[in-house]
């Protein structure tokens, strides 16, 4: 059903796959593999030198778990409300964190490439949360 022309979840499935690959596996993998040498360059970006790496790695692990969940849930015949709720909350909170970081100028010291990547992640999170909200409000009970 996921690949038929009359699939009501087609745009949601596309957003789930795109989000699962880029934000979940991509950004999560980058955060999970943060090297210790990153903190040697981080003071130039305004970060503290003695910051432990486990919060970054924990956030990366959670993003990978959410991304894999979205990738596997996109294959199901009917996308469940719990999956859409997890997608809505996860992407919504990530978008809020990025927006607050932008408004407080915490992202100003990053390179232009990093700012563009985080802007794309923000846009993808907002769009994915919007898709999840749209489909969560509808009742597609196709048993």
C-alpha atoms as a PDB file:
ATOM      1  CA  UNK A   1       0.000   0.000   0.000  1.00  0.00           C
ATOM      2  CA  UNK A   2       2.898   2.333   0.638  1.00  0.00           C
ATOM      3  CA  UNK A   3       3.692   2.541  -3.056  1.00  0.00           C
ATOM      4  CA  UNK A   4       0.226   2.704  -4.606  1.00  0.00           C
ATOM      5  CA  UNK A   5      -1.151   5.804  -6.285  1.00  0.00           C
ATOM      6  CA  UNK A   6      -4.115   6.101  -3.922  1.00  0.00           C
ATOM      7  CA  UNK A   7      -2.063   6.023  -0.718  1.00  0.00           C
ATOM      8  CA  UNK A   8      -3.380   8.795   1.536  1.00  0.00           C
ATOM      9  CA  UNK A   9      -0.138   8.731   3.540  1.00  0.00           C
ATOM     10  CA  UNK A  10       2.196   9.219   0.555  1.00  0.00           C
ATOM     11  CA  UNK A  11       3.417  12.722   1.460  1.00  0.00           C
ATOM     12  CA  UNK A  12       3.701  11.752   5.127  1.00  0.00           C
ATOM     13  CA  UNK A  13       5.754   8.698   4.191  1.00  0.00           C
ATOM     14  CA  UNK A  14       8.060  10.841   2.065  1.00  0.00           C
ATOM     15  CA  UNK A  15       8.539  13.285   4.948  1.00  0.00           C
ATOM     16  CA  UNK A  16       9.148  10.385   7.353  1.00  0.00           C
ATOM     17  CA  UNK A  17      11.810   8.851   5.113  1.00  0.00           C
ATOM     18  CA  UNK A  18      13.531  12.155   4.397  1.00  0.00           C
ATOM     19  CA  UNK A  19      13.482  13.111   8.067  1.00  0.00           C
ATOM     20  CA  UNK A  20      14.610   9.677   9.204  1.00  0.00           C
ATOM     21  CA  UNK A  21      17.612   9.724   6.887  1.00  0.00           C
ATOM     22  CA  UNK A  22      18.759  13.340   7.258  1.00  0.00           C
ATOM     23  CA  UNK A  23      17.863  14.370  10.792  1.00  0.00           C
ATOM     24  CA  UNK A  24      17.750  10.946  12.420  1.00  0.00           C
ATOM     25  CA  UNK A  25      20.616   9.010  10.925  1.00  0.00           C
ATOM     26  CA  UNK A  26      22.616  11.951   9.505  1.00  0.00           C
ATOM     27  CA  UNK A  27      22.555  14.532  12.296  1.00  0.00           C
ATOM     28  CA  UNK A  28      22.258  11.833  14.951  1.00  0.00           C
ATOM     29  CA  UNK A  29      25.309  10.051  13.553  1.00  0.00           C
ATOM     30  CA  UNK A  30      27.289  13.297  13.555  1.00  0.00           C
ATOM     31  CA  UNK A  31      26.365  13.971  17.173  1.00  0.00           C
ATOM     32  CA  UNK A  32      27.036  10.394  18.222  1.00  0.00           C
ATOM     33  CA  UNK A  33      30.495  10.486  16.682  1.00  0.00           C
ATOM     34  CA  UNK A  34      31.606  13.863  18.057  1.00  0.00           C
ATOM     35  CA  UNK A  35      35.371  13.521  18.440  1.00  0.00           C
ATOM     36  CA  UNK A  36      37.171  14.805  21.497  1.00  0.00           C
ATOM     37  CA  UNK A  37      39.237  17.043  19.227  1.00  0.00           C
ATOM     38  CA  UNK A  38      36.044  18.985  18.468  1.00  0.00           C
ATOM     39  CA  UNK A  39      36.294  20.591  21.873  1.00  0.00           C
ATOM     40  CA  UNK A  40      39.797  21.820  21.040  1.00  0.00           C
ATOM     41  CA  UNK A  41      38.293  23.928  18.241  1.00  0.00           C
ATOM     42  CA  UNK A  42      35.092  24.712  20.100  1.00  0.00           C
ATOM     43  CA  UNK A  43      36.419  27.665  22.141  1.00  0.00           C
ATOM     44  CA  UNK A  44      36.726  29.582  18.891  1.00  0.00           C
ATOM     45  CA  UNK A  45      33.007  28.965  18.425  1.00  0.00           C
ATOM     46  CA  UNK A  46      32.197  30.157  21.938  1.00  0.00           C
ATOM     47  CA  UNK A  47      31.794  26.759  23.643  1.00  0.00           C
ATOM     48  CA  UNK A  48      33.337  25.881  26.971  1.00  0.00           C
ATOM     49  CA  UNK A  49      36.511  23.796  26.904  1.00  0.00           C
ATOM     50  CA  UNK A  50      35.659  21.326  29.658  1.00  0.00           C
ATOM     51  CA  UNK A  51      32.245  20.296  28.335  1.00  0.00           C
ATOM     52  CA  UNK A  52      31.700  16.526  28.512  1.00  0.00           C
ATOM     53  CA  UNK A  53      30.793  14.789  25.263  1.00  0.00           C
ATOM     54  CA  UNK A  54      28.145  12.427  26.648  1.00  0.00           C
ATOM     55  CA  UNK A  55      25.219  14.879  26.181  1.00  0.00           C
ATOM     56  CA  UNK A  56      26.077  15.190  22.480  1.00  0.00           C
ATOM     57  CA  UNK A  57      26.364  11.441  22.108  1.00  0.00           C
ATOM     58  CA  UNK A  58      23.141  10.833  24.013  1.00  0.00           C
ATOM     59  CA  UNK A  59      21.284  13.317  21.789  1.00  0.00           C
ATOM     60  CA  UNK A  60      22.772  11.613  18.735  1.00  0.00           C
ATOM     61  CA  UNK A  61      21.639   8.194  19.935  1.00  0.00           C
ATOM     62  CA  UNK A  62      18.093   9.455  20.507  1.00  0.00           C
ATOM     63  CA  UNK A  63      18.003  11.086  17.059  1.00  0.00           C
ATOM     64  CA  UNK A  64      19.209   7.858  15.449  1.00  0.00           C
ATOM     65  CA  UNK A  65      16.527   5.894  17.306  1.00  0.00           C
ATOM     66  CA  UNK A  66      13.823   8.338  16.179  1.00  0.00           C
ATOM     67  CA  UNK A  67      15.148   8.298  12.614  1.00  0.00           C
ATOM     68  CA  UNK A  68      15.160   4.506  12.415  1.00  0.00           C
ATOM     69  CA  UNK A  69      11.673   4.402  13.917  1.00  0.00           C
ATOM     70  CA  UNK A  70      10.432   6.792  11.236  1.00  0.00           C
ATOM     71  CA  UNK A  71      12.144   4.820   8.464  1.00  0.00           C
ATOM     72  CA  UNK A  72      10.600   1.531   9.563  1.00  0.00           C
ATOM     73  CA  UNK A  73       7.189   3.049  10.324  1.00  0.00           C
ATOM     74  CA  UNK A  74       7.034   4.511   6.802  1.00  0.00           C
ATOM     75  CA  UNK A  75       6.856   0.933   5.494  1.00  0.00           C
ATOM     76  CA  UNK A  76       3.704   0.030   7.442  1.00  0.00           C
ATOM     77  CA  UNK A  77       0.349  -0.130   5.697  1.00  0.00           C
ATOM     78  CA  UNK A  78      -1.266   2.330   8.093  1.00  0.00           C
ATOM     79  CA  UNK A  79       0.817   4.933   9.885  1.00  0.00           C
ATOM     80  CA  UNK A  80      -0.253   4.871  13.511  1.00  0.00           C
ATOM     81  CA  UNK A  81      -1.116   7.888  15.587  1.00  0.00           C
ATOM     82  CA  UNK A  82       1.684   7.100  18.052  1.00  0.00           C
ATOM     83  CA  UNK A  83       4.236   7.321  15.242  1.00  0.00           C
ATOM     84  CA  UNK A  84       2.812  10.628  14.052  1.00  0.00           C
ATOM     85  CA  UNK A  85       2.835  11.946  17.621  1.00  0.00           C
ATOM     86  CA  UNK A  86       6.485  10.926  18.082  1.00  0.00           C
ATOM     87  CA  UNK A  87       7.313  12.617  14.780  1.00  0.00           C
ATOM     88  CA  UNK A  88       5.416  15.759  15.776  1.00  0.00           C
ATOM     89  CA  UNK A  89       6.976  16.073  19.231  1.00  0.00           C
ATOM     90  CA  UNK A  90      10.516  15.123  18.173  1.00  0.00           C
ATOM     91  CA  UNK A  91      10.641  17.435  15.187  1.00  0.00           C
ATOM     92  CA  UNK A  92       8.746  20.221  16.914  1.00  0.00           C
ATOM     93  CA  UNK A  93      11.112  20.281  19.879  1.00  0.00           C
ATOM     94  CA  UNK A  94      14.171  20.148  17.654  1.00  0.00           C
ATOM     95  CA  UNK A  95      12.809  23.060  15.614  1.00  0.00           C
ATOM     96  CA  UNK A  96      12.121  25.053  18.792  1.00  0.00           C
ATOM     97  CA  UNK A  97      15.665  24.428  20.071  1.00  0.00           C
ATOM     98  CA  UNK A  98      17.147  25.583  16.757  1.00  0.00           C
ATOM     99  CA  UNK A  99      14.868  28.637  16.667  1.00  0.00           C
ATOM    100  CA  UNK A 100      15.808  29.655  20.206  1.00  0.00           C
ATOM    101  CA  UNK A 101      19.486  29.154  19.390  1.00  0.00           C
ATOM    102  CA  UNK A 102      19.087  31.350  16.319  1.00  0.00           C
ATOM    103  CA  UNK A 103      17.161  34.092  18.148  1.00  0.00           C
ATOM    104  CA  UNK A 104      19.686  34.184  20.981  1.00  0.00           C
ATOM    105  CA  UNK A 105      22.508  34.390  18.405  1.00  0.00           C
ATOM    106  CA  UNK A 106      24.122  31.188  19.653  1.00  0.00           C
ATOM    107  CA  UNK A 107      24.574  30.032  16.050  1.00  0.00           C
ATOM    108  CA  UNK A 108      26.256  33.241  14.882  1.00  0.00           C
ATOM    109  CA  UNK A 109      29.799  31.961  15.454  1.00  0.00           C
ATOM    110  CA  UNK A 110      29.290  28.875  13.295  1.00  0.00           C
ATOM    111  CA  UNK A 111      30.585  28.699   9.750  1.00  0.00           C
ATOM    112  CA  UNK A 112      28.236  29.609   6.931  1.00  0.00           C
ATOM    113  CA  UNK A 113      28.037  25.962   5.838  1.00  0.00           C
ATOM    114  CA  UNK A 114      26.997  24.886   9.344  1.00  0.00           C
ATOM    115  CA  UNK A 115      24.394  27.664   9.464  1.00  0.00           C
ATOM    116  CA  UNK A 116      22.928  26.556   6.125  1.00  0.00           C
ATOM    117  CA  UNK A 117      22.838  22.916   7.263  1.00  0.00           C
ATOM    118  CA  UNK A 118      21.123  23.836  10.534  1.00  0.00           C
ATOM    119  CA  UNK A 119      18.691  26.057   8.612  1.00  0.00           C
ATOM    120  CA  UNK A 120      17.839  23.112   6.365  1.00  0.00           C
ATOM    121  CA  UNK A 121      17.388  20.873   9.411  1.00  0.00           C
ATOM    122  CA  UNK A 122      15.098  23.504  10.952  1.00  0.00           C
ATOM    123  CA  UNK A 123      13.032  23.732   7.755  1.00  0.00           C
ATOM    124  CA  UNK A 124      12.778  19.945   7.481  1.00  0.00           C
ATOM    125  CA  UNK A 125      11.716  19.643  11.122  1.00  0.00           C
ATOM    126  CA  UNK A 126       8.997  22.280  10.726  1.00  0.00           C
ATOM    127  CA  UNK A 127       7.682  20.667   7.533  1.00  0.00           C
ATOM    128  CA  UNK A 128       7.747  17.180   9.058  1.00  0.00           C
ATOM    129  CA  UNK A 129       5.965  18.349  12.199  1.00  0.00           C
ATOM    130  CA  UNK A 130       3.374  20.038   9.993  1.00  0.00           C
ATOM    131  CA  UNK A 131       2.767  16.859   8.005  1.00  0.00           C
ATOM    132  CA  UNK A 132       2.444  14.844  11.191  1.00  0.00           C
ATOM    133  CA  UNK A 133      -0.018  17.370  12.622  1.00  0.00           C
ATOM    134  CA  UNK A 134      -2.095  17.364   9.446  1.00  0.00           C
ATOM    135  CA  UNK A 135      -2.392  13.583   9.326  1.00  0.00           C
ATOM    136  CA  UNK A 136      -2.880  13.304  13.075  1.00  0.00           C
ATOM    137  CA  UNK A 137      -5.982  15.486  12.808  1.00  0.00           C
ATOM    138  CA  UNK A 138      -7.491  13.380  10.008  1.00  0.00           C
ATOM    139  CA  UNK A 139      -9.080  10.002  10.546  1.00  0.00           C
ATOM    140  CA  UNK A 140      -7.909   7.609   7.843  1.00  0.00           C
ATOM    141  CA  UNK A 141      -9.261   4.357   9.217  1.00  0.00           C
ATOM    142  CA  UNK A 142      -8.510   1.975   6.365  1.00  0.00           C
ATOM    143  CA  UNK A 143      -8.742  -1.511   7.814  1.00  0.00           C
END
